[in-house]
Amino acid sequence: MLARQLPTLALAVVIVAACTTPDREATNDTSAARASANAGAKTDTTPVTTHDMVEALVRDRKDAERQLSAVEDSVWVFTGDSVATLLRQAHTSWEQYRKLECDAIKVAFSDGTMAPVAQLECWIDLTDDHKKFIAEEYDYLRNGAPPPPAARPR
């Protein structure tokens, strides 16, 4: 009897887990829908090509990198030389990580035409996540207030 109910129970557990997972907040939408919205004169009935997606994502990647640079510059202005040097070294390592991670995604999709799209989406997502991390962790430097206390694990 339990064996017949197992698929239903498993589905219920998956639904509960999916519904209780916290959101990562709004980030750039790098989907095909965004590409079609950015494709210019094309209408909703016109199919979006991989080339259209890549063009839109390249613009989004440049925008994400520009936003990250602005956040980093606004933080580095308020840090001392030793902290700024360490942050720049960390940034160089992070850039290397981002490149390798997104290259791995591209290789995983190498059998199809979506490889550059997947790579660009990875690049944008990691850049947006890093920008958010820098802004949250070092925002106190810009505001002059002490950092908030770290949350204690339960």
N, C-alpha and C. Protein backbone atom coordinates (compact mmCIF):
# COMPACT_ATOMS: atom_id res chain seq x y z
N MET A 1 0.83 -1.19 0.00
CA MET A 1 0.00 0.00 0.00
C MET A 1 0.87 1.25 0.00
N LEU A 2 1.91 1.25 0.84
CA LEU A 2 2.82 2.40 0.90
C LEU A 2 3.55 2.59 -0.42
N ALA A 3 3.86 1.49 -1.08
CA ALA A 3 4.57 1.58 -2.36
C ALA A 3 3.75 2.32 -3.41
N ARG A 4 2.43 2.18 -3.38
CA ARG A 4 1.59 2.90 -4.35
C ARG A 4 1.53 4.39 -4.05
N GLN A 5 1.67 4.77 -2.80
CA GLN A 5 1.59 6.18 -2.42
C GLN A 5 2.94 6.88 -2.48
N LEU A 6 4.01 6.14 -2.66
CA LEU A 6 5.34 6.72 -2.67
C LEU A 6 5.52 7.81 -3.74
N PRO A 7 5.08 7.63 -4.99
CA PRO A 7 5.23 8.72 -5.96
C PRO A 7 4.48 9.99 -5.55
N THR A 8 3.32 9.85 -4.95
CA THR A 8 2.55 11.01 -4.50
C THR A 8 3.28 11.72 -3.37
N LEU A 9 3.82 10.94 -2.44
CA LEU A 9 4.57 11.54 -1.33
C LEU A 9 5.83 12.23 -1.83
N ALA A 10 6.52 11.62 -2.77
CA ALA A 10 7.74 12.22 -3.32
C ALA A 10 7.41 13.53 -4.02
N LEU A 11 6.32 13.56 -4.77
CA LEU A 11 5.90 14.79 -5.44
C LEU A 11 5.57 15.87 -4.43
N ALA A 12 4.90 15.50 -3.36
CA ALA A 12 4.55 16.47 -2.32
C ALA A 12 5.81 17.06 -1.67
N VAL A 13 6.80 16.23 -1.42
CA VAL A 13 8.05 16.70 -0.82
C VAL A 13 8.76 17.67 -1.77
N VAL A 14 8.79 17.35 -3.05
CA VAL A 14 9.44 18.22 -4.03
C VAL A 14 8.71 19.56 -4.11
N ILE A 15 7.40 19.54 -4.10
CA ILE A 15 6.63 20.78 -4.17
C ILE A 15 6.88 21.64 -2.94
N VAL A 16 6.87 21.03 -1.76
CA VAL A 16 7.12 21.78 -0.53
C VAL A 16 8.53 22.37 -0.55
N ALA A 17 9.51 21.59 -0.97
CA ALA A 17 10.88 22.09 -1.02
C ALA A 17 11.01 23.24 -2.01
N ALA A 18 10.38 23.11 -3.16
CA ALA A 18 10.47 24.17 -4.17
C ALA A 18 9.77 25.44 -3.72
N CYS A 19 8.68 25.30 -3.00
CA CYS A 19 7.93 26.47 -2.57
C CYS A 19 8.55 27.17 -1.37
N THR A 20 9.38 26.47 -0.62
CA THR A 20 9.98 27.08 0.56
C THR A 20 11.42 27.53 0.34
N THR A 21 11.97 27.31 -0.84
CA THR A 21 13.32 27.75 -1.14
C THR A 21 13.31 29.27 -1.30
N PRO A 22 14.20 29.98 -0.57
CA PRO A 22 14.20 31.44 -0.67
C PRO A 22 14.67 31.89 -2.05
N ASP A 23 14.09 32.98 -2.53
CA ASP A 23 14.49 33.55 -3.81
C ASP A 23 15.83 34.25 -3.66
N ARG A 24 16.57 34.35 -4.76
CA ARG A 24 17.86 35.06 -4.76
C ARG A 24 17.68 36.52 -5.09
N GLU A 25 16.49 37.03 -5.06
CA GLU A 25 16.14 38.39 -5.43
C GLU A 25 16.22 38.56 -6.93
N ALA A 26 15.79 39.71 -7.38
CA ALA A 26 15.73 39.96 -8.82
C ALA A 26 17.13 40.11 -9.39
N THR A 27 17.35 39.46 -10.50
CA THR A 27 18.60 39.62 -11.25
C THR A 27 18.20 39.85 -12.70
N ASN A 28 19.18 40.08 -13.52
CA ASN A 28 18.87 40.26 -14.94
C ASN A 28 18.23 38.98 -15.49
N ASP A 29 17.15 39.14 -16.24
CA ASP A 29 16.51 38.01 -16.89
C ASP A 29 17.23 37.79 -18.21
N THR A 30 17.93 36.67 -18.32
CA THR A 30 18.72 36.41 -19.51
C THR A 30 18.09 35.34 -20.38
N SER A 31 16.79 35.22 -20.30
CA SER A 31 16.10 34.18 -21.05
C SER A 31 15.85 34.61 -22.49
N ALA A 32 15.30 33.68 -23.24
CA ALA A 32 14.95 33.97 -24.64
C ALA A 32 13.90 35.07 -24.71
N ALA A 33 13.03 35.13 -23.71
CA ALA A 33 12.01 36.18 -23.71
C ALA A 33 12.66 37.55 -23.66
N ARG A 34 13.70 37.68 -22.84
CA ARG A 34 14.42 38.96 -22.77
C ARG A 34 15.09 39.25 -24.10
N ALA A 35 15.65 38.21 -24.70
CA ALA A 35 16.30 38.41 -25.99
C ALA A 35 15.30 38.88 -27.03
N SER A 36 14.10 38.32 -27.01
CA SER A 36 13.12 38.75 -28.00
C SER A 36 12.66 40.16 -27.71
N ALA A 37 12.60 40.55 -26.44
CA ALA A 37 12.21 41.92 -26.10
C ALA A 37 13.27 42.91 -26.54
N ASN A 38 14.54 42.47 -26.51
CA ASN A 38 15.65 43.34 -26.89
C ASN A 38 15.99 43.24 -28.37
N ALA A 39 15.30 42.37 -29.10
CA ALA A 39 15.68 42.12 -30.48
C ALA A 39 15.32 43.26 -31.43
N GLY A 40 14.68 44.28 -30.91
CA GLY A 40 14.41 45.45 -31.74
C GLY A 40 13.04 45.38 -32.38
N ALA A 41 13.00 45.41 -33.70
CA ALA A 41 11.74 45.54 -34.43
C ALA A 41 10.97 44.23 -34.54
N LYS A 42 11.50 43.15 -34.02
CA LYS A 42 10.81 41.87 -34.17
C LYS A 42 9.55 41.86 -33.32
N THR A 43 8.54 41.19 -33.82
CA THR A 43 7.28 41.09 -33.10
C THR A 43 7.28 39.82 -32.26
N ASP A 44 6.24 39.65 -31.46
CA ASP A 44 6.13 38.47 -30.60
C ASP A 44 6.00 37.18 -31.39
N THR A 45 5.53 37.26 -32.62
CA THR A 45 5.35 36.05 -33.42
C THR A 45 6.60 35.66 -34.19
N THR A 46 7.58 36.53 -34.22
CA THR A 46 8.83 36.23 -34.92
C THR A 46 9.70 35.36 -34.02
N PRO A 47 10.19 34.25 -34.53
CA PRO A 47 11.05 33.40 -33.69
C PRO A 47 12.37 34.11 -33.36
N VAL A 48 12.86 33.83 -32.19
CA VAL A 48 14.13 34.39 -31.75
C VAL A 48 15.23 33.40 -32.09
N THR A 49 16.21 33.85 -32.81
CA THR A 49 17.32 32.97 -33.19
C THR A 49 18.38 32.98 -32.10
N THR A 50 19.25 32.02 -32.17
CA THR A 50 20.37 31.97 -31.24
C THR A 50 21.22 33.23 -31.38
N HIS A 51 21.38 33.69 -32.60
CA HIS A 51 22.15 34.91 -32.85
C HIS A 51 21.51 36.11 -32.13
N ASP A 52 20.17 36.22 -32.19
CA ASP A 52 19.47 37.30 -31.48
C ASP A 52 19.72 37.22 -29.98
N MET A 53 19.66 35.99 -29.45
CA MET A 53 19.89 35.80 -28.02
C MET A 53 21.31 36.21 -27.65
N VAL A 54 22.27 35.80 -28.46
CA VAL A 54 23.67 36.14 -28.16
C VAL A 54 23.87 37.65 -28.19
N GLU A 55 23.30 38.32 -29.19
CA GLU A 55 23.44 39.78 -29.25
C GLU A 55 22.87 40.45 -28.00
N ALA A 56 21.69 40.02 -27.57
CA ALA A 56 21.07 40.60 -26.38
C ALA A 56 21.88 40.29 -25.14
N LEU A 57 22.39 39.08 -25.05
CA LEU A 57 23.16 38.69 -23.87
C LEU A 57 24.52 39.37 -23.81
N VAL A 58 25.12 39.64 -24.96
CA VAL A 58 26.39 40.38 -24.97
C VAL A 58 26.17 41.78 -24.41
N ARG A 59 25.06 42.42 -24.80
CA ARG A 59 24.74 43.73 -24.23
C ARG A 59 24.51 43.62 -22.72
N ASP A 60 23.80 42.60 -22.29
CA ASP A 60 23.54 42.40 -20.87
C ASP A 60 24.83 42.12 -20.09
N ARG A 61 25.74 41.36 -20.72
CA ARG A 61 27.01 41.06 -20.06
C ARG A 61 27.81 42.34 -19.84
N LYS A 62 27.86 43.18 -20.86
CA LYS A 62 28.58 44.45 -20.72
C LYS A 62 27.96 45.32 -19.64
N ASP A 63 26.63 45.34 -19.59
CA ASP A 63 25.92 46.11 -18.58
C ASP A 63 26.20 45.56 -17.18
N ALA A 64 26.19 44.24 -17.03
CA ALA A 64 26.47 43.62 -15.72
C ALA A 64 27.89 43.93 -15.27
N GLU A 65 28.85 43.89 -16.19
CA GLU A 65 30.24 44.19 -15.84
C GLU A 65 30.41 45.67 -15.48
N ARG A 66 29.69 46.53 -16.17
CA ARG A 66 29.73 47.96 -15.86
C ARG A 66 29.16 48.21 -14.45
N GLN A 67 28.06 47.56 -14.13
CA GLN A 67 27.45 47.71 -12.80
C GLN A 67 28.37 47.18 -11.71
N LEU A 68 29.01 46.03 -11.95
CA LEU A 68 29.96 45.48 -10.97
C LEU A 68 31.12 46.44 -10.76
N SER A 69 31.66 46.99 -11.82
CA SER A 69 32.77 47.94 -11.70
C SER A 69 32.37 49.16 -10.89
N ALA A 70 31.15 49.65 -11.11
CA ALA A 70 30.68 50.81 -10.36
C ALA A 70 30.57 50.50 -8.87
N VAL A 71 30.05 49.33 -8.54
CA VAL A 71 29.93 48.95 -7.12
C VAL A 71 31.31 48.78 -6.50
N GLU A 72 32.22 48.11 -7.21
CA GLU A 72 33.57 47.93 -6.68
C GLU A 72 34.27 49.27 -6.50
N ASP A 73 34.17 50.15 -7.48
CA ASP A 73 34.81 51.46 -7.36
C ASP A 73 34.26 52.24 -6.18
N SER A 74 32.95 52.16 -5.96
CA SER A 74 32.34 52.90 -4.84
C SER A 74 32.78 52.34 -3.50
N VAL A 75 33.12 51.06 -3.45
CA VAL A 75 33.61 50.46 -2.20
C VAL A 75 35.09 50.74 -2.02
N TRP A 76 35.88 50.57 -3.07
CA TRP A 76 37.33 50.71 -2.96
C TRP A 76 37.74 52.12 -2.59
N VAL A 77 36.93 53.10 -2.90
CA VAL A 77 37.24 54.49 -2.54
C VAL A 77 37.35 54.64 -1.03
N PHE A 78 36.56 53.87 -0.29
CA PHE A 78 36.49 54.02 1.16
C PHE A 78 37.37 53.03 1.92
N THR A 79 38.12 52.19 1.23
CA THR A 79 38.97 51.23 1.92
C THR A 79 40.39 51.74 1.98
N GLY A 80 41.14 51.21 2.89
CA GLY A 80 42.57 51.54 2.95
C GLY A 80 43.31 50.82 1.84
N ASP A 81 44.58 51.20 1.68
CA ASP A 81 45.38 50.61 0.62
C ASP A 81 45.51 49.10 0.74
N SER A 82 45.72 48.60 1.96
CA SER A 82 45.91 47.15 2.13
C SER A 82 44.63 46.39 1.81
N VAL A 83 43.48 46.92 2.22
CA VAL A 83 42.21 46.26 1.93
C VAL A 83 41.93 46.32 0.43
N ALA A 84 42.15 47.46 -0.18
CA ALA A 84 41.91 47.60 -1.61
C ALA A 84 42.81 46.66 -2.41
N THR A 85 44.05 46.50 -1.99
CA THR A 85 44.96 45.58 -2.68
C THR A 85 44.45 44.15 -2.58
N LEU A 86 44.03 43.75 -1.39
CA LEU A 86 43.49 42.40 -1.21
C LEU A 86 42.22 42.19 -2.02
N LEU A 87 41.36 43.19 -2.06
CA LEU A 87 40.13 43.07 -2.83
C LEU A 87 40.42 42.96 -4.33
N ARG A 88 41.41 43.68 -4.79
CA ARG A 88 41.77 43.58 -6.21
C ARG A 88 42.35 42.20 -6.53
N GLN A 89 43.16 41.65 -5.62
CA GLN A 89 43.68 40.30 -5.82
C GLN A 89 42.54 39.28 -5.82
N ALA A 90 41.60 39.46 -4.90
CA ALA A 90 40.45 38.56 -4.85
C ALA A 90 39.62 38.67 -6.12
N HIS A 91 39.50 39.89 -6.63
CA HIS A 91 38.73 40.10 -7.86
C HIS A 91 39.38 39.38 -9.03
N THR A 92 40.70 39.42 -9.10
CA THR A 92 41.41 38.73 -10.18
C THR A 92 41.16 37.23 -10.09
N SER A 93 41.21 36.69 -8.88
CA SER A 93 40.93 35.25 -8.71
C SER A 93 39.48 34.93 -9.06
N TRP A 94 38.57 35.81 -8.67
CA TRP A 94 37.16 35.59 -8.97
C TRP A 94 36.93 35.62 -10.48
N GLU A 95 37.58 36.54 -11.19
CA GLU A 95 37.43 36.59 -12.65
C GLU A 95 37.91 35.29 -13.29
N GLN A 96 38.99 34.73 -12.77
CA GLN A 96 39.49 33.46 -13.29
C GLN A 96 38.48 32.35 -13.02
N TYR A 97 37.91 32.33 -11.81
CA TYR A 97 36.88 31.35 -11.48
C TYR A 97 35.68 31.48 -12.43
N ARG A 98 35.22 32.72 -12.63
CA ARG A 98 34.06 32.96 -13.49
C ARG A 98 34.33 32.44 -14.91
N LYS A 99 35.51 32.72 -15.43
CA LYS A 99 35.84 32.28 -16.79
C LYS A 99 35.83 30.76 -16.87
N LEU A 100 36.47 30.09 -15.91
CA LEU A 100 36.52 28.63 -15.95
C LEU A 100 35.14 28.00 -15.77
N GLU A 101 34.35 28.54 -14.85
CA GLU A 101 33.01 28.03 -14.61
C GLU A 101 32.14 28.15 -15.87
N CYS A 102 32.17 29.30 -16.49
CA CYS A 102 31.33 29.53 -17.67
C CYS A 102 31.86 28.79 -18.90
N ASP A 103 33.18 28.60 -18.97
CA ASP A 103 33.73 27.77 -20.05
C ASP A 103 33.27 26.33 -19.89
N ALA A 104 33.18 25.84 -18.65
CA ALA A 104 32.68 24.48 -18.40
C ALA A 104 31.23 24.36 -18.84
N ILE A 105 30.44 25.39 -18.58
CA ILE A 105 29.04 25.39 -19.03
C ILE A 105 28.98 25.32 -20.55
N LYS A 106 29.83 26.10 -21.21
CA LYS A 106 29.85 26.10 -22.68
C LYS A 106 30.21 24.71 -23.22
N VAL A 107 31.19 24.07 -22.60
CA VAL A 107 31.58 22.73 -23.04
C VAL A 107 30.44 21.74 -22.82
N ALA A 108 29.73 21.90 -21.71
CA ALA A 108 28.60 21.00 -21.43
C ALA A 108 27.52 21.12 -22.50
N PHE A 109 27.38 22.30 -23.09
CA PHE A 109 26.38 22.53 -24.14
C PHE A 109 26.99 22.48 -25.55
N SER A 110 28.21 21.99 -25.68
CA SER A 110 28.93 22.10 -26.95
C SER A 110 28.31 21.31 -28.10
N ASP A 111 27.42 20.38 -27.81
CA ASP A 111 26.80 19.62 -28.89
C ASP A 111 25.69 20.40 -29.59
N GLY A 112 25.30 21.54 -29.05
CA GLY A 112 24.20 22.28 -29.65
C GLY A 112 24.54 23.73 -29.90
N THR A 113 23.57 24.45 -30.45
CA THR A 113 23.79 25.86 -30.77
C THR A 113 23.62 26.76 -29.56
N MET A 114 23.16 26.22 -28.44
CA MET A 114 22.92 27.05 -27.26
C MET A 114 24.16 27.24 -26.39
N ALA A 115 25.29 26.71 -26.77
CA ALA A 115 26.51 26.81 -25.98
C ALA A 115 26.88 28.26 -25.66
N PRO A 116 26.92 29.17 -26.65
CA PRO A 116 27.28 30.55 -26.31
C PRO A 116 26.21 31.23 -25.46
N VAL A 117 24.95 30.86 -25.64
CA VAL A 117 23.88 31.43 -24.82
C VAL A 117 24.05 30.98 -23.37
N ALA A 118 24.28 29.70 -23.16
CA ALA A 118 24.47 29.19 -21.80
C ALA A 118 25.69 29.82 -21.14
N GLN A 119 26.77 29.99 -21.92
CA GLN A 119 27.98 30.60 -21.37
C GLN A 119 27.73 32.05 -20.97
N LEU A 120 27.04 32.80 -21.80
CA LEU A 120 26.76 34.20 -21.49
C LEU A 120 25.81 34.33 -20.30
N GLU A 121 24.81 33.45 -20.22
CA GLU A 121 23.91 33.48 -19.07
C GLU A 121 24.66 33.20 -17.78
N CYS A 122 25.59 32.24 -17.83
CA CYS A 122 26.43 31.94 -16.67
C CYS A 122 27.23 33.18 -16.28
N TRP A 123 27.85 33.81 -17.26
CA TRP A 123 28.69 34.99 -17.02
C TRP A 123 27.89 36.09 -16.35
N ILE A 124 26.69 36.36 -16.88
CA ILE A 124 25.84 37.43 -16.33
C ILE A 124 25.38 37.08 -14.92
N ASP A 125 24.94 35.83 -14.72
CA ASP A 125 24.45 35.43 -13.40
C ASP A 125 25.55 35.52 -12.34
N LEU A 126 26.74 35.02 -12.66
CA LEU A 126 27.84 35.09 -11.70
C LEU A 126 28.25 36.54 -11.43
N THR A 127 28.26 37.37 -12.45
CA THR A 127 28.61 38.78 -12.27
C THR A 127 27.58 39.48 -11.39
N ASP A 128 26.30 39.24 -11.65
CA ASP A 128 25.24 39.85 -10.83
C ASP A 128 25.33 39.38 -9.38
N ASP A 129 25.58 38.08 -9.19
CA ASP A 129 25.71 37.55 -7.82
C ASP A 129 26.90 38.17 -7.10
N HIS A 130 28.01 38.33 -7.81
CA HIS A 130 29.21 38.92 -7.19
C HIS A 130 28.99 40.40 -6.86
N LYS A 131 28.31 41.10 -7.75
CA LYS A 131 27.99 42.52 -7.49
C LYS A 131 27.13 42.63 -6.24
N LYS A 132 26.15 41.77 -6.11
CA LYS A 132 25.28 41.79 -4.94
C LYS A 132 26.07 41.48 -3.67
N PHE A 133 26.97 40.49 -3.75
CA PHE A 133 27.80 40.13 -2.60
C PHE A 133 28.66 41.31 -2.16
N ILE A 134 29.36 41.93 -3.11
CA ILE A 134 30.23 43.08 -2.79
C ILE A 134 29.40 44.20 -2.17
N ALA A 135 28.26 44.50 -2.76
CA ALA A 135 27.41 45.59 -2.26
C ALA A 135 26.94 45.31 -0.84
N GLU A 136 26.53 44.08 -0.57
CA GLU A 136 26.03 43.74 0.77
C GLU A 136 27.15 43.70 1.81
N GLU A 137 28.29 43.11 1.45
CA GLU A 137 29.36 42.93 2.43
C GLU A 137 30.12 44.21 2.75
N TYR A 138 30.22 45.12 1.80
CA TYR A 138 31.04 46.31 2.01
C TYR A 138 30.24 47.60 2.00
N ASP A 139 28.93 47.51 2.03
CA ASP A 139 28.08 48.69 2.00
C ASP A 139 28.33 49.59 3.21
N TYR A 140 28.68 49.01 4.34
CA TYR A 140 28.92 49.81 5.54
C TYR A 140 30.05 50.81 5.35
N LEU A 141 30.99 50.51 4.46
CA LEU A 141 32.09 51.44 4.21
C LEU A 141 31.58 52.73 3.58
N ARG A 142 30.59 52.61 2.71
CA ARG A 142 30.03 53.78 2.05
C ARG A 142 29.11 54.56 2.98
N ASN A 143 28.44 53.86 3.89
CA ASN A 143 27.46 54.50 4.76
C ASN A 143 28.07 55.01 6.07
N GLY A 144 29.25 54.55 6.40
CA GLY A 144 29.89 54.98 7.64
C GLY A 144 29.39 54.25 8.88
N ALA A 145 28.47 53.35 8.71
CA ALA A 145 27.93 52.59 9.85
C ALA A 145 28.72 51.29 9.97
N PRO A 146 28.77 50.73 11.19
CA PRO A 146 29.47 49.45 11.35
C PRO A 146 28.70 48.35 10.62
N PRO A 147 29.39 47.27 10.25
CA PRO A 147 28.71 46.19 9.56
C PRO A 147 27.69 45.53 10.48
N PRO A 148 26.62 44.97 9.93
CA PRO A 148 25.64 44.30 10.77
C PRO A 148 26.25 43.04 11.34
N PRO A 149 25.75 42.60 12.51
CA PRO A 149 26.31 41.39 13.10
C PRO A 149 25.99 40.18 12.23
N ALA A 150 26.91 39.23 12.24
CA ALA A 150 26.72 38.02 11.45
C ALA A 150 25.64 37.17 12.09
N ALA A 151 24.86 36.51 11.27
CA ALA A 151 23.81 35.63 11.78
C ALA A 151 24.47 34.39 12.37
N ARG A 152 23.96 33.97 13.50
CA ARG A 152 24.52 32.79 14.15
C ARG A 152 23.81 31.54 13.65
N PRO A 153 24.58 30.50 13.37
CA PRO A 153 23.93 29.25 12.95
C PRO A 153 23.17 28.64 14.11
N ARG A 154 22.09 27.98 13.78
CA ARG A 154 21.27 27.35 14.83
C ARG A 154 21.69 25.95 15.08
